[in-house]
Amino acid sequence: MAYRGRITALAAAIGLSGGAALYGLWPEESGLLRASAGALLFAAVSIPVGWWLGRKYDRLARLAVMDPLTGVYNRRFVENGFVKLAARAGKQRKRMAVLLIDVNDFKQVNDSHGHAKGDAAIREVAAALRHSAERGEIVARWGGDEFMVICPYADDKAVAVFSRKVRDRLEHASLRTGFRLAVSAGVASYPADGARLSQLAQLADERMYADKQSGKRHKAEEESLQEAQAQ
C-alpha cells in the first residue's frame, strides 16, 4: 500500500489527539478550558508531524524496493516476492516465465560515450521494459546492466511478443540517443524449469549467454558480407 505509513501515522496522531481531548473533559487539576486548549494544541502539532513521519516512512519503504537509477524494482524486491508469486501461481495452476535481459556491448557504450551515457542507456532499457509490461509483468534491475522480468504467463508466443515490443522500443531509443541499444535475453519457465528463483535465474542466464553469442556471430556474418560487397 503506497500510503500505508501516512495513514498509520495520521491515525495514531488522531487517536492521541482524541485521547487528549477526552482527558480535557475530566481534568484533575486544570480547568476545562485550559485542558481543552491543550488538547487542540496537541492535535495541531501531532497531526502534521504524524503526516510528515508517515511520508518519510512511505519514501523509505519505496526506496527499499526500487532501483534509484531506473525507477524499476530492485533485486531484493524480486527475491523476497517470488515465493509469494510462485505460491499464487501454484494455487491457480498457472505458469510463469522468468526473463533475464542483458544490455549488449554496454562496456563499449561506457568506454566510447562515458559513464553518464552508460547510465542513460540503462535508464532507456528500463523504460523500454517498463512500457512494454502491459500484462502484469514485473520489471526489476537484477544488477549492473542486467534486468529480470517475471511474466504471469509462460507460453512462447506471449514471451516473444513482449521481447519484440522491447526491441522495437530500443530501436527507436537508439535513433533518439545516438548510440546503439540492443539486448540479449534468456527465458526459464516456472515450474517446468525449476521451483526456486535461483534455479530459474541460472538457467535463464545460460540461455541469455547463448543468445548473446548467437547475436555476435550474426553480427560478424553481416559485417563480413558487407565488406565482401564493398570490394
C-alpha atoms as a PDB file:
ATOM      1  CA  MET A   1       0.000   0.000   0.000  1.00  0.00           C
ATOM      2  CA  ALA A   2       1.624   3.225  -1.188  1.00  0.00           C
ATOM      3  CA  TYR A   3       0.352   5.425   1.660  1.00  0.00           C
ATOM      4  CA  ARG A   4       0.496   2.893   4.491  1.00  0.00           C
ATOM      5  CA  GLY A   5       2.941   4.948   6.567  1.00  0.00           C
ATOM      6  CA  ARG A   6       0.991   8.173   6.205  1.00  0.00           C
ATOM      7  CA  ILE A   7      -2.340   6.552   7.042  1.00  0.00           C
ATOM      8  CA  THR A   8      -0.921   4.731  10.074  1.00  0.00           C
ATOM      9  CA  ALA A   9       0.847   7.802  11.437  1.00  0.00           C
ATOM     10  CA  LEU A  10      -2.196  10.002  10.863  1.00  0.00           C
ATOM     11  CA  ALA A  11      -4.484   7.517  12.604  1.00  0.00           C
ATOM     12  CA  ALA A  12      -2.105   7.376  15.567  1.00  0.00           C
ATOM     13  CA  ALA A  13      -1.955  11.163  15.786  1.00  0.00           C
ATOM     14  CA  ILE A  14      -5.742  11.472  15.646  1.00  0.00           C
ATOM     15  CA  GLY A  15      -6.090   8.770  18.290  1.00  0.00           C
ATOM     16  CA  LEU A  16      -3.667  10.534  20.610  1.00  0.00           C
ATOM     17  CA  SER A  17      -5.383  13.853  19.983  1.00  0.00           C
ATOM     18  CA  GLY A  18      -8.741  12.287  20.749  1.00  0.00           C
ATOM     19  CA  GLY A  19      -7.346  10.853  23.955  1.00  0.00           C
ATOM     20  CA  ALA A  20      -6.011  14.243  24.939  1.00  0.00           C
ATOM     21  CA  ALA A  21      -9.380  15.821  24.204  1.00  0.00           C
ATOM     22  CA  LEU A  22     -11.178  13.262  26.375  1.00  0.00           C
ATOM     23  CA  TYR A  23      -8.711  13.949  29.142  1.00  0.00           C
ATOM     24  CA  GLY A  24      -9.688  17.591  28.855  1.00  0.00           C
ATOM     25  CA  LEU A  25     -13.298  16.714  29.722  1.00  0.00           C
ATOM     26  CA  TRP A  26     -12.242  15.291  33.082  1.00  0.00           C
ATOM     27  CA  PRO A  27      -9.373  17.488  34.242  1.00  0.00           C
ATOM     28  CA  GLU A  28      -7.922  16.730  37.602  1.00  0.00           C
ATOM     29  CA  GLU A  29      -6.138  19.977  38.387  1.00  0.00           C
ATOM     30  CA  SER A  30      -6.517  22.226  35.358  1.00  0.00           C
ATOM     31  CA  GLY A  31      -9.678  23.924  34.308  1.00  0.00           C
ATOM     32  CA  LEU A  32     -11.802  22.594  31.469  1.00  0.00           C
ATOM     33  CA  LEU A  33     -10.903  25.453  29.138  1.00  0.00           C
ATOM     34  CA  ARG A  34      -7.178  25.092  29.728  1.00  0.00           C
ATOM     35  CA  ALA A  35      -7.241  21.328  29.199  1.00  0.00           C
ATOM     36  CA  SER A  36      -9.295  21.608  26.012  1.00  0.00           C
ATOM     37  CA  ALA A  37      -6.951  24.254  24.636  1.00  0.00           C
ATOM     38  CA  GLY A  38      -4.032  21.955  25.376  1.00  0.00           C
ATOM     39  CA  ALA A  39      -5.730  19.114  23.539  1.00  0.00           C
ATOM     40  CA  LEU A  40      -6.328  21.311  20.493  1.00  0.00           C
ATOM     41  CA  LEU A  41      -2.707  22.453  20.545  1.00  0.00           C
ATOM     42  CA  PHE A  42      -1.570  18.844  20.794  1.00  0.00           C
ATOM     43  CA  ALA A  43      -3.732  17.937  17.792  1.00  0.00           C
ATOM     44  CA  ALA A  44      -2.456  20.902  15.786  1.00  0.00           C
ATOM     45  CA  VAL A  45       1.118  19.724  16.312  1.00  0.00           C
ATOM     46  CA  SER A  46       0.779  15.936  16.294  1.00  0.00           C
ATOM     47  CA  ILE A  47      -1.342  15.519  13.156  1.00  0.00           C
ATOM     48  CA  PRO A  48       1.046  17.400  10.792  1.00  0.00           C
ATOM     49  CA  VAL A  49       4.043  15.716  12.431  1.00  0.00           C
ATOM     50  CA  GLY A  50       2.354  12.331  12.089  1.00  0.00           C
ATOM     51  CA  TRP A  51       1.646  13.006   8.418  1.00  0.00           C
ATOM     52  CA  TRP A  52       5.269  14.076   7.845  1.00  0.00           C
ATOM     53  CA  LEU A  53       6.615  10.970   9.600  1.00  0.00           C
ATOM     54  CA  GLY A  54       4.256   8.824   7.548  1.00  0.00           C
ATOM     55  CA  ARG A  55       5.548  10.372   4.331  1.00  0.00           C
ATOM     56  CA  LYS A  56       9.113   9.653   5.427  1.00  0.00           C
ATOM     57  CA  TYR A  57       8.163   6.030   6.137  1.00  0.00           C
ATOM     58  CA  ASP A  58       6.494   5.637   2.727  1.00  0.00           C
ATOM     59  CA  ARG A  59       9.529   7.116   0.992  1.00  0.00           C
ATOM     60  CA  LEU A  60      11.934   4.813   2.829  1.00  0.00           C
ATOM     61  CA  ALA A  61       9.711   1.809   2.135  1.00  0.00           C
ATOM     62  CA  ARG A  62       9.700   2.687  -1.563  1.00  0.00           C
ATOM     63  CA  LEU A  63      13.477   3.191  -1.661  1.00  0.00           C
ATOM     64  CA  ALA A  64      13.935  -0.244  -0.092  1.00  0.00           C
ATOM     65  CA  VAL A  65      12.360  -1.990  -3.092  1.00  0.00           C
ATOM     66  CA  MET A  66      13.114   0.383  -6.002  1.00  0.00           C
ATOM     67  CA  ASP A  67      16.274   0.868  -8.046  1.00  0.00           C
ATOM     68  CA  PRO A  68      17.242   4.558  -7.725  1.00  0.00           C
ATOM     69  CA  LEU A  69      18.767   4.873 -11.209  1.00  0.00           C
ATOM     70  CA  THR A  70      15.953   3.375 -13.261  1.00  0.00           C
ATOM     71  CA  GLY A  71      12.810   3.576 -11.127  1.00  0.00           C
ATOM     72  CA  VAL A  72      12.028  -0.128 -11.586  1.00  0.00           C
ATOM     73  CA  TYR A  73      12.048  -2.704  -8.797  1.00  0.00           C
ATOM     74  CA  ASN A  74      15.356  -3.886  -7.374  1.00  0.00           C
ATOM     75  CA  ARG A  75      16.717  -7.389  -6.910  1.00  0.00           C
ATOM     76  CA  ARG A  76      15.680  -7.555  -3.254  1.00  0.00           C
ATOM     77  CA  PHE A  77      12.037  -6.991  -4.164  1.00  0.00           C
ATOM     78  CA  VAL A  78      12.057  -9.842  -6.690  1.00  0.00           C
ATOM     79  CA  GLU A  79      13.919 -12.257  -4.432  1.00  0.00           C
ATOM     80  CA  ASN A  80      11.604 -11.555  -1.497  1.00  0.00           C
ATOM     81  CA  GLY A  81       8.416 -11.559  -3.545  1.00  0.00           C
ATOM     82  CA  PHE A  82       8.992 -14.552  -5.799  1.00  0.00           C
ATOM     83  CA  VAL A  83       7.931 -17.098  -3.171  1.00  0.00           C
ATOM     84  CA  LYS A  84       4.510 -15.423  -2.906  1.00  0.00           C
ATOM     85  CA  LEU A  85       4.193 -15.171  -6.680  1.00  0.00           C
ATOM     86  CA  ALA A  86       5.073 -18.849  -7.060  1.00  0.00           C
ATOM     87  CA  ALA A  87       2.611 -19.877  -4.337  1.00  0.00           C
ATOM     88  CA  ARG A  88      -0.171 -17.910  -6.026  1.00  0.00           C
ATOM     89  CA  ALA A  89       0.680 -19.387  -9.422  1.00  0.00           C
ATOM     90  CA  GLY A  90       0.669 -22.875  -7.896  1.00  0.00           C
ATOM     91  CA  LYS A  91      -2.777 -22.406  -6.377  1.00  0.00           C
ATOM     92  CA  GLN A  92      -4.143 -21.105  -9.668  1.00  0.00           C
ATOM     93  CA  ARG A  93      -2.243 -23.769 -11.636  1.00  0.00           C
ATOM     94  CA  LYS A  94      -0.599 -21.132 -13.776  1.00  0.00           C
ATOM     95  CA  ARG A  95       2.884 -20.948 -15.213  1.00  0.00           C
ATOM     96  CA  MET A  96       5.300 -18.037 -15.156  1.00  0.00           C
ATOM     97  CA  ALA A  97       8.249 -17.034 -17.298  1.00  0.00           C
ATOM     98  CA  VAL A  98      11.430 -15.543 -15.898  1.00  0.00           C
ATOM     99  CA  LEU A  99      13.408 -13.450 -18.381  1.00  0.00           C
ATOM    100  CA  LEU A 100      16.983 -12.371 -17.760  1.00  0.00           C
ATOM    101  CA  ILE A 101      17.991  -9.500 -20.024  1.00  0.00           C
ATOM    102  CA  ASP A 102      21.464  -8.087 -20.601  1.00  0.00           C
ATOM    103  CA  VAL A 103      22.456  -4.908 -22.462  1.00  0.00           C
ATOM    104  CA  ASN A 104      24.671  -5.729 -25.441  1.00  0.00           C
ATOM    105  CA  ASP A 105      28.067  -4.021 -25.700  1.00  0.00           C
ATOM    106  CA  PHE A 106      27.413  -1.990 -22.569  1.00  0.00           C
ATOM    107  CA  LYS A 107      31.127  -1.648 -21.814  1.00  0.00           C
ATOM    108  CA  GLN A 108      31.610  -0.149 -25.253  1.00  0.00           C
ATOM    109  CA  VAL A 109      28.930   2.463 -24.530  1.00  0.00           C
ATOM    110  CA  ASN A 110      30.698   3.384 -21.284  1.00  0.00           C
ATOM    111  CA  ASP A 111      34.147   3.485 -22.905  1.00  0.00           C
ATOM    112  CA  SER A 112      33.061   5.413 -26.005  1.00  0.00           C
ATOM    113  CA  HIS A 113      30.499   7.810 -24.550  1.00  0.00           C
ATOM    114  CA  GLY A 114      31.284   7.995 -20.822  1.00  0.00           C
ATOM    115  CA  HIS A 115      29.558   6.734 -17.697  1.00  0.00           C
ATOM    116  CA  ALA A 116      26.822   9.373 -17.864  1.00  0.00           C
ATOM    117  CA  LYS A 117      25.762   7.964 -21.235  1.00  0.00           C
ATOM    118  CA  GLY A 118      26.077   4.483 -19.779  1.00  0.00           C
ATOM    119  CA  ASP A 119      23.607   5.421 -17.045  1.00  0.00           C
ATOM    120  CA  ALA A 120      21.340   6.919 -19.697  1.00  0.00           C
ATOM    121  CA  ALA A 121      21.492   3.648 -21.640  1.00  0.00           C
ATOM    122  CA  ILE A 122      20.474   1.693 -18.530  1.00  0.00           C
ATOM    123  CA  ARG A 123      17.535   4.050 -17.995  1.00  0.00           C
ATOM    124  CA  GLU A 124      16.456   3.700 -21.635  1.00  0.00           C
ATOM    125  CA  VAL A 125      16.443  -0.093 -21.393  1.00  0.00           C
ATOM    126  CA  ALA A 126      14.490   0.058 -18.128  1.00  0.00           C
ATOM    127  CA  ALA A 127      11.958   2.406 -19.736  1.00  0.00           C
ATOM    128  CA  ALA A 128      11.562   0.091 -22.740  1.00  0.00           C
ATOM    129  CA  LEU A 129      10.920  -2.849 -20.419  1.00  0.00           C
ATOM    130  CA  ARG A 130       8.534  -0.906 -18.197  1.00  0.00           C
ATOM    131  CA  HIS A 131       6.479   0.465 -21.095  1.00  0.00           C
ATOM    132  CA  SER A 132       6.303  -2.986 -22.679  1.00  0.00           C
ATOM    133  CA  ALA A 133       4.927  -4.506 -19.472  1.00  0.00           C
ATOM    134  CA  GLU A 134       1.246  -4.362 -20.379  1.00  0.00           C
ATOM    135  CA  ARG A 135       0.093  -7.720 -18.996  1.00  0.00           C
ATOM    136  CA  GLY A 136       1.197  -7.537 -15.380  1.00  0.00           C
ATOM    137  CA  GLU A 137       4.893  -8.245 -15.949  1.00  0.00           C
ATOM    138  CA  ILE A 138       7.207  -7.302 -13.072  1.00  0.00           C
ATOM    139  CA  VAL A 139      10.368  -5.481 -14.174  1.00  0.00           C
ATOM    140  CA  ALA A 140      13.426  -5.315 -11.931  1.00  0.00           C
ATOM    141  CA  ARG A 141      17.058  -4.368 -12.240  1.00  0.00           C
ATOM    142  CA  TRP A 142      18.930  -7.554 -11.409  1.00  0.00           C
ATOM    143  CA  GLY A 143      22.340  -5.886 -11.204  1.00  0.00           C
ATOM    144  CA  GLY A 144      24.682  -3.823 -13.367  1.00  0.00           C
ATOM    145  CA  ASP A 145      23.323  -3.922 -16.910  1.00  0.00           C
ATOM    146  CA  GLU A 146      21.072  -6.924 -16.278  1.00  0.00           C
ATOM    147  CA  PHE A 147      17.314  -6.866 -15.786  1.00  0.00           C
ATOM    148  CA  MET A 148      14.824  -9.512 -14.761  1.00  0.00           C
ATOM    149  CA  VAL A 149      11.223  -9.670 -15.908  1.00  0.00           C
ATOM    150  CA  ILE A 150       8.714 -12.017 -14.306  1.00  0.00           C
ATOM    151  CA  CYS A 151       5.789 -12.694 -16.634  1.00  0.00           C
ATOM    152  CA  PRO A 152       2.455 -14.064 -15.352  1.00  0.00           C
ATOM    153  CA  TYR A 153       2.442 -16.400 -18.363  1.00  0.00           C
ATOM    154  CA  ALA A 154       4.906 -18.819 -19.948  1.00  0.00           C
ATOM    155  CA  ASP A 155       3.690 -19.511 -23.477  1.00  0.00           C
ATOM    156  CA  ASP A 156       6.364 -18.915 -26.089  1.00  0.00           C
ATOM    157  CA  LYS A 157       4.196 -16.665 -28.255  1.00  0.00           C
ATOM    158  CA  ALA A 158       3.401 -14.223 -25.442  1.00  0.00           C
ATOM    159  CA  VAL A 159       7.056 -14.082 -24.365  1.00  0.00           C
ATOM    160  CA  ALA A 160       8.087 -13.451 -27.980  1.00  0.00           C
ATOM    161  CA  VAL A 161       5.549 -10.620 -28.284  1.00  0.00           C
ATOM    162  CA  PHE A 162       6.914  -8.988 -25.136  1.00  0.00           C
ATOM    163  CA  SER A 163      10.508  -9.329 -26.367  1.00  0.00           C
ATOM    164  CA  ARG A 164       9.595  -7.872 -29.756  1.00  0.00           C
ATOM    165  CA  LYS A 165       7.979  -4.827 -28.136  1.00  0.00           C
ATOM    166  CA  VAL A 166      11.108  -4.237 -26.059  1.00  0.00           C
ATOM    167  CA  ARG A 167      13.407  -4.477 -29.082  1.00  0.00           C
ATOM    168  CA  ASP A 168      11.187  -2.151 -31.137  1.00  0.00           C
ATOM    169  CA  ARG A 169      11.289   0.461 -28.384  1.00  0.00           C
ATOM    170  CA  LEU A 170      15.062   0.140 -28.126  1.00  0.00           C
ATOM    171  CA  GLU A 171      15.426   0.678 -31.874  1.00  0.00           C
ATOM    172  CA  HIS A 172      13.545   3.966 -31.556  1.00  0.00           C
ATOM    173  CA  ALA A 173      15.593   4.892 -28.483  1.00  0.00           C
ATOM    174  CA  SER A 174      18.801   4.236 -30.446  1.00  0.00           C
ATOM    175  CA  LEU A 175      17.758   6.773 -33.070  1.00  0.00           C
ATOM    176  CA  ARG A 176      16.909   9.302 -30.379  1.00  0.00           C
ATOM    177  CA  THR A 177      20.026   8.875 -28.238  1.00  0.00           C
ATOM    178  CA  GLY A 178      22.612   8.389 -30.969  1.00  0.00           C
ATOM    179  CA  PHE A 179      24.086   5.154 -29.618  1.00  0.00           C
ATOM    180  CA  ARG A 180      23.027   1.597 -30.331  1.00  0.00           C
ATOM    181  CA  LEU A 181      20.784  -0.044 -27.749  1.00  0.00           C
ATOM    182  CA  ALA A 182      20.191  -3.772 -28.000  1.00  0.00           C
ATOM    183  CA  VAL A 183      19.711  -6.616 -25.548  1.00  0.00           C
ATOM    184  CA  SER A 184      20.127 -10.361 -25.255  1.00  0.00           C
ATOM    185  CA  ALA A 185      17.603 -12.429 -23.341  1.00  0.00           C
ATOM    186  CA  GLY A 186      17.186 -15.851 -21.808  1.00  0.00           C
ATOM    187  CA  VAL A 187      13.942 -17.420 -20.603  1.00  0.00           C
ATOM    188  CA  ALA A 188      13.134 -20.033 -17.975  1.00  0.00           C
ATOM    189  CA  SER A 189       9.669 -21.328 -17.134  1.00  0.00           C
ATOM    190  CA  TYR A 190       8.146 -21.924 -13.711  1.00  0.00           C
ATOM    191  CA  PRO A 191       7.587 -24.672 -12.649  1.00  0.00           C
ATOM    192  CA  ALA A 192       8.854 -26.671 -15.645  1.00  0.00           C
ATOM    193  CA  ASP A 193      12.454 -25.427 -15.342  1.00  0.00           C
ATOM    194  CA  GLY A 194      12.567 -25.134 -11.570  1.00  0.00           C
ATOM    195  CA  ALA A 195      10.672 -24.100  -8.460  1.00  0.00           C
ATOM    196  CA  ARG A 196      13.235 -21.696  -6.968  1.00  0.00           C
ATOM    197  CA  LEU A 197      14.189 -18.318  -8.363  1.00  0.00           C
ATOM    198  CA  SER A 198      17.892 -19.181  -8.131  1.00  0.00           C
ATOM    199  CA  GLN A 199      17.353 -22.192 -10.419  1.00  0.00           C
ATOM    200  CA  LEU A 200      15.340 -20.199 -12.925  1.00  0.00           C
ATOM    201  CA  ALA A 201      17.804 -17.300 -12.909  1.00  0.00           C
ATOM    202  CA  GLN A 202      20.751 -19.617 -13.546  1.00  0.00           C
ATOM    203  CA  LEU A 203      19.039 -21.328 -16.474  1.00  0.00           C
ATOM    204  CA  ALA A 204      17.834 -18.014 -17.913  1.00  0.00           C
ATOM    205  CA  ASP A 205      21.390 -16.679 -17.596  1.00  0.00           C
ATOM    206  CA  GLU A 206      22.784 -19.636 -19.554  1.00  0.00           C
ATOM    207  CA  ARG A 207      20.208 -19.144 -22.294  1.00  0.00           C
ATOM    208  CA  MET A 208      20.868 -15.405 -22.333  1.00  0.00           C
ATOM    209  CA  TYR A 209      24.576 -16.056 -22.855  1.00  0.00           C
ATOM    210  CA  ALA A 210      23.754 -18.387 -25.759  1.00  0.00           C
ATOM    211  CA  ASP A 211      21.523 -15.685 -27.263  1.00  0.00           C
ATOM    212  CA  LYS A 212      24.320 -13.130 -26.888  1.00  0.00           C
ATOM    213  CA  GLN A 213      26.844 -15.412 -28.603  1.00  0.00           C
ATOM    214  CA  SER A 214      24.384 -16.099 -31.414  1.00  0.00           C
ATOM    215  CA  GLY A 215      23.864 -12.366 -31.857  1.00  0.00           C
ATOM    216  CA  LYS A 216      27.613 -11.773 -32.036  1.00  0.00           C
ATOM    217  CA  ARG A 217      28.005 -14.455 -34.707  1.00  0.00           C
ATOM    218  CA  HIS A 218      25.139 -12.976 -36.698  1.00  0.00           C
ATOM    219  CA  LYS A 219      26.659  -9.503 -36.430  1.00  0.00           C
ATOM    220  CA  ALA A 220      30.070 -10.796 -37.547  1.00  0.00           C
ATOM    221  CA  GLU A 221      28.484 -12.542 -40.538  1.00  0.00           C
ATOM    222  CA  GLU A 222      26.687  -9.339 -41.543  1.00  0.00           C
ATOM    223  CA  GLU A 223      29.897  -7.309 -41.286  1.00  0.00           C
ATOM    224  CA  SER A 224      31.800  -9.877 -43.376  1.00  0.00           C
ATOM    225  CA  LEU A 225      29.072  -9.801 -46.017  1.00  0.00           C
ATOM    226  CA  GLN A 226      29.132  -6.003 -46.138  1.00  0.00           C
ATOM    227  CA  GLU A 227      32.924  -5.996 -46.531  1.00  0.00           C
ATOM    228  CA  ALA A 228      32.708  -8.545 -49.349  1.00  0.00           C
ATOM    229  CA  GLN A 229      30.064  -6.495 -51.149  1.00  0.00           C
ATOM    230  CA  ALA A 230      32.155  -3.330 -50.792  1.00  0.00           C
ATOM    231  CA  GLN A 231      35.183  -4.917 -52.516  1.00  0.00           C
END
